[in-house]
């Protein structure tokens, strides 16, 4: 869940991880319900399949965003958001 008080990089990372998760979900659904040889439900490959380097860059950016979310943002805006949220949870 994205918080309104998060910084822009944290929101972008969250969005990229969400889109990456949806793409992997579609890949799995395509493998279960579609034929792997006839069609692929990988949206990144559908959109950028002609440019292998661009496809690799997208996967790399999504991976970096996932790592950034794993460690969390340490900026003052996100830190104050977490403090405000934890303070309201105690009430």
N, C-alpha and C. Protein backbone atom coordinates (compact mmCIF):
# COMPACT_ATOMS: atom_id res chain seq x y z
N UNK A 1 0.84 -1.18 0.00
CA UNK A 1 0.00 0.00 0.00
C UNK A 1 0.89 1.24 0.00
N UNK A 2 0.64 2.13 -0.95
CA UNK A 2 1.43 3.35 -1.02
C UNK A 2 0.82 4.41 -0.12
N UNK A 3 1.68 5.06 0.64
CA UNK A 3 1.24 6.12 1.53
C UNK A 3 1.36 7.45 0.81
N UNK A 4 0.49 8.37 1.14
CA UNK A 4 0.51 9.68 0.50
C UNK A 4 1.75 10.48 0.85
N UNK A 5 2.32 10.22 2.03
CA UNK A 5 3.45 11.05 2.48
C UNK A 5 4.80 10.46 2.05
N UNK A 6 4.82 9.47 1.20
CA UNK A 6 6.09 8.89 0.73
C UNK A 6 6.73 9.80 -0.31
N UNK A 7 8.05 9.71 -0.45
CA UNK A 7 8.77 10.51 -1.45
C UNK A 7 8.53 9.91 -2.85
N UNK A 8 8.84 10.68 -3.86
CA UNK A 8 8.60 10.25 -5.24
C UNK A 8 9.39 8.98 -5.61
N UNK A 9 10.68 8.85 -5.26
CA UNK A 9 11.38 7.60 -5.59
C UNK A 9 10.75 6.36 -4.95
N UNK A 10 10.27 6.51 -3.72
CA UNK A 10 9.63 5.37 -3.05
C UNK A 10 8.33 5.00 -3.75
N UNK A 11 7.56 6.01 -4.18
CA UNK A 11 6.32 5.74 -4.91
C UNK A 11 6.61 5.08 -6.26
N UNK A 12 7.64 5.55 -6.95
CA UNK A 12 8.00 4.98 -8.25
C UNK A 12 8.47 3.54 -8.08
N UNK A 13 9.26 3.29 -7.04
CA UNK A 13 9.71 1.91 -6.76
C UNK A 13 8.52 1.00 -6.50
N UNK A 14 7.57 1.47 -5.72
CA UNK A 14 6.38 0.69 -5.44
C UNK A 14 5.58 0.39 -6.70
N UNK A 15 5.45 1.39 -7.55
CA UNK A 15 4.72 1.20 -8.81
C UNK A 15 5.43 0.20 -9.72
N UNK A 16 6.76 0.32 -9.81
CA UNK A 16 7.52 -0.61 -10.66
C UNK A 16 7.43 -2.05 -10.15
N UNK A 17 7.51 -2.24 -8.84
CA UNK A 17 7.40 -3.58 -8.28
C UNK A 17 5.99 -4.12 -8.49
N UNK A 18 4.98 -3.29 -8.38
CA UNK A 18 3.60 -3.70 -8.63
C UNK A 18 3.43 -4.14 -10.08
N UNK A 19 3.91 -3.34 -11.02
CA UNK A 19 3.81 -3.68 -12.44
C UNK A 19 4.61 -4.95 -12.75
N UNK A 20 5.79 -5.08 -12.14
CA UNK A 20 6.59 -6.29 -12.34
C UNK A 20 5.89 -7.53 -11.80
N UNK A 21 5.24 -7.39 -10.65
CA UNK A 21 4.47 -8.50 -10.10
C UNK A 21 3.30 -8.90 -10.99
N UNK A 22 2.62 -7.90 -11.53
CA UNK A 22 1.53 -8.20 -12.47
C UNK A 22 2.05 -8.91 -13.71
N UNK A 23 3.20 -8.48 -14.21
CA UNK A 23 3.77 -9.12 -15.39
C UNK A 23 4.11 -10.58 -15.11
N UNK A 24 4.72 -10.85 -13.95
CA UNK A 24 5.04 -12.24 -13.59
C UNK A 24 3.77 -13.06 -13.40
N UNK A 25 2.72 -12.43 -12.85
CA UNK A 25 1.44 -13.13 -12.72
C UNK A 25 0.87 -13.51 -14.08
N UNK A 26 0.99 -12.60 -15.03
CA UNK A 26 0.52 -12.90 -16.39
C UNK A 26 1.36 -13.98 -17.05
N UNK A 27 2.66 -13.97 -16.81
CA UNK A 27 3.53 -15.03 -17.35
C UNK A 27 3.08 -16.38 -16.80
N UNK A 28 2.83 -16.46 -15.50
CA UNK A 28 2.37 -17.70 -14.89
C UNK A 28 1.01 -18.13 -15.41
N UNK A 29 0.09 -17.17 -15.54
CA UNK A 29 -1.24 -17.49 -16.07
C UNK A 29 -1.15 -17.96 -17.52
N UNK A 30 -0.26 -17.33 -18.28
CA UNK A 30 -0.08 -17.76 -19.67
C UNK A 30 0.47 -19.16 -19.76
N UNK A 31 1.34 -19.52 -18.83
CA UNK A 31 1.89 -20.87 -18.83
C UNK A 31 0.83 -21.90 -18.43
N UNK A 32 -0.07 -21.54 -17.52
CA UNK A 32 -1.10 -22.47 -17.09
C UNK A 32 -2.26 -22.58 -18.07
N UNK A 33 -2.71 -21.45 -18.58
CA UNK A 33 -3.92 -21.43 -19.39
C UNK A 33 -3.68 -21.34 -20.89
N UNK A 34 -2.52 -20.87 -21.27
CA UNK A 34 -2.20 -20.75 -22.69
C UNK A 34 -1.15 -21.77 -23.06
N UNK A 35 -0.82 -21.75 -24.29
CA UNK A 35 0.25 -22.64 -24.75
C UNK A 35 1.54 -21.85 -24.76
N UNK A 36 2.58 -22.41 -24.15
CA UNK A 36 3.87 -21.71 -24.09
C UNK A 36 4.45 -21.49 -25.48
N UNK A 37 4.13 -22.36 -26.42
CA UNK A 37 4.72 -22.25 -27.75
C UNK A 37 3.93 -21.32 -28.65
N UNK A 38 2.63 -21.20 -28.41
CA UNK A 38 1.81 -20.39 -29.29
C UNK A 38 1.79 -18.92 -28.90
N UNK A 39 1.74 -18.63 -27.60
CA UNK A 39 1.70 -17.22 -27.20
C UNK A 39 2.30 -17.05 -25.82
N UNK A 40 2.81 -15.87 -25.58
CA UNK A 40 3.38 -15.53 -24.29
C UNK A 40 2.59 -14.35 -23.73
N UNK A 41 2.32 -14.38 -22.45
CA UNK A 41 1.60 -13.28 -21.83
C UNK A 41 2.56 -12.33 -21.13
N UNK A 42 3.82 -12.35 -21.51
CA UNK A 42 4.82 -11.46 -20.94
C UNK A 42 4.69 -10.10 -21.63
N UNK A 43 4.12 -9.14 -20.91
CA UNK A 43 3.85 -7.83 -21.52
C UNK A 43 5.12 -7.08 -21.89
N UNK A 44 6.16 -7.22 -21.08
CA UNK A 44 7.42 -6.53 -21.39
C UNK A 44 7.98 -7.06 -22.71
N UNK A 45 7.93 -8.36 -22.89
CA UNK A 45 8.42 -8.95 -24.14
C UNK A 45 7.52 -8.57 -25.32
N UNK A 46 6.21 -8.51 -25.08
CA UNK A 46 5.28 -8.10 -26.15
C UNK A 46 5.58 -6.69 -26.63
N UNK A 47 5.86 -5.80 -25.67
CA UNK A 47 6.09 -4.40 -26.01
C UNK A 47 7.51 -4.13 -26.52
N UNK A 48 8.49 -4.83 -25.98
CA UNK A 48 9.89 -4.50 -26.29
C UNK A 48 10.67 -5.67 -26.87
N UNK A 49 9.99 -6.69 -27.35
CA UNK A 49 10.65 -7.90 -27.82
C UNK A 49 11.64 -7.68 -28.94
N UNK A 50 11.42 -6.68 -29.75
CA UNK A 50 12.36 -6.40 -30.85
C UNK A 50 13.66 -5.80 -30.34
N UNK A 51 13.58 -5.15 -29.20
CA UNK A 51 14.76 -4.51 -28.62
C UNK A 51 15.14 -5.25 -27.35
N UNK A 52 15.97 -6.26 -27.50
CA UNK A 52 16.35 -7.10 -26.37
C UNK A 52 17.03 -6.27 -25.27
N UNK A 53 17.83 -5.29 -25.64
CA UNK A 53 18.53 -4.46 -24.67
C UNK A 53 17.53 -3.65 -23.84
N UNK A 54 16.46 -3.14 -24.48
CA UNK A 54 15.46 -2.36 -23.75
C UNK A 54 14.68 -3.26 -22.79
N UNK A 55 14.40 -4.48 -23.21
CA UNK A 55 13.72 -5.44 -22.34
C UNK A 55 14.59 -5.74 -21.12
N UNK A 56 15.89 -5.93 -21.34
CA UNK A 56 16.80 -6.20 -20.24
C UNK A 56 16.88 -5.00 -19.29
N UNK A 57 16.86 -3.79 -19.82
CA UNK A 57 16.91 -2.58 -18.98
C UNK A 57 15.66 -2.50 -18.11
N UNK A 58 14.50 -2.81 -18.67
CA UNK A 58 13.25 -2.78 -17.89
C UNK A 58 13.34 -3.78 -16.74
N UNK A 59 13.78 -5.00 -17.02
CA UNK A 59 13.91 -6.01 -15.97
C UNK A 59 14.91 -5.56 -14.91
N UNK A 60 15.99 -4.94 -15.32
CA UNK A 60 16.99 -4.45 -14.38
C UNK A 60 16.42 -3.34 -13.49
N UNK A 61 15.68 -2.42 -14.06
CA UNK A 61 15.09 -1.32 -13.30
C UNK A 61 14.08 -1.86 -12.29
N UNK A 62 13.27 -2.82 -12.69
CA UNK A 62 12.29 -3.42 -11.76
C UNK A 62 13.03 -4.14 -10.63
N UNK A 63 14.11 -4.82 -10.95
CA UNK A 63 14.90 -5.50 -9.91
C UNK A 63 15.52 -4.52 -8.93
N UNK A 64 16.05 -3.42 -9.43
CA UNK A 64 16.63 -2.39 -8.55
C UNK A 64 15.54 -1.79 -7.67
N UNK A 65 14.35 -1.58 -8.23
CA UNK A 65 13.23 -1.05 -7.44
C UNK A 65 12.85 -2.02 -6.33
N UNK A 66 12.87 -3.31 -6.61
CA UNK A 66 12.55 -4.31 -5.59
C UNK A 66 13.58 -4.29 -4.47
N UNK A 67 14.85 -4.16 -4.83
CA UNK A 67 15.90 -4.09 -3.81
C UNK A 67 15.74 -2.82 -2.98
N UNK A 68 15.41 -1.71 -3.64
CA UNK A 68 15.20 -0.45 -2.91
C UNK A 68 14.03 -0.59 -1.93
N UNK A 69 12.97 -1.27 -2.34
CA UNK A 69 11.84 -1.46 -1.43
C UNK A 69 12.19 -2.40 -0.29
N UNK A 70 13.05 -3.36 -0.56
CA UNK A 70 13.47 -4.30 0.48
C UNK A 70 14.18 -3.58 1.62
N UNK A 71 15.03 -2.63 1.28
CA UNK A 71 15.77 -1.88 2.30
C UNK A 71 15.00 -0.69 2.81
N UNK A 72 14.02 -0.23 2.08
CA UNK A 72 13.21 0.91 2.50
C UNK A 72 13.91 2.23 2.25
N UNK A 73 13.14 3.26 2.18
CA UNK A 73 13.68 4.60 1.94
C UNK A 73 14.05 5.23 3.28
N UNK A 74 15.19 5.87 3.32
CA UNK A 74 15.69 6.49 4.56
C UNK A 74 15.60 8.02 4.53
N UNK A 75 14.89 8.58 3.54
CA UNK A 75 14.81 10.04 3.46
C UNK A 75 13.94 10.58 4.59
N UNK A 76 14.04 11.86 4.83
CA UNK A 76 13.32 12.48 5.95
C UNK A 76 11.80 12.43 5.74
N UNK A 77 11.35 12.54 4.49
CA UNK A 77 9.91 12.52 4.22
C UNK A 77 9.32 11.15 4.56
N UNK A 78 9.97 10.08 4.12
CA UNK A 78 9.47 8.73 4.41
C UNK A 78 9.62 8.40 5.89
N UNK A 79 10.71 8.88 6.52
CA UNK A 79 10.91 8.62 7.94
C UNK A 79 9.83 9.29 8.77
N UNK A 80 9.47 10.53 8.44
CA UNK A 80 8.42 11.22 9.18
C UNK A 80 7.07 10.56 8.94
N UNK A 81 6.87 10.01 7.78
CA UNK A 81 5.63 9.30 7.46
C UNK A 81 5.50 8.06 8.35
N UNK A 82 6.60 7.32 8.49
CA UNK A 82 6.59 6.11 9.32
C UNK A 82 6.38 6.45 10.79
N UNK A 83 6.99 7.54 11.26
CA UNK A 83 6.84 7.95 12.66
C UNK A 83 5.40 8.37 12.91
N UNK A 84 4.81 9.13 12.00
CA UNK A 84 3.43 9.58 12.14
C UNK A 84 2.47 8.39 12.13
N UNK A 85 2.75 7.42 11.27
CA UNK A 85 1.89 6.25 11.17
C UNK A 85 1.97 5.39 12.43
N UNK A 86 3.18 5.19 12.96
CA UNK A 86 3.34 4.37 14.16
C UNK A 86 2.76 5.07 15.38
N UNK A 87 2.81 6.39 15.41
CA UNK A 87 2.23 7.14 16.52
C UNK A 87 0.72 7.07 16.52
N UNK A 88 0.09 7.08 15.34
CA UNK A 88 -1.35 7.00 15.27
C UNK A 88 -1.86 5.58 15.52
N UNK A 89 -1.00 4.59 15.29
CA UNK A 89 -1.40 3.20 15.52
C UNK A 89 -1.49 2.89 17.01
N UNK A 90 -0.74 3.62 17.85
CA UNK A 90 -0.75 3.37 19.29
C UNK A 90 -1.99 3.93 19.96
N UNK A 91 -2.64 4.87 19.31
CA UNK A 91 -3.81 5.52 19.92
C UNK A 91 -5.02 4.67 19.83
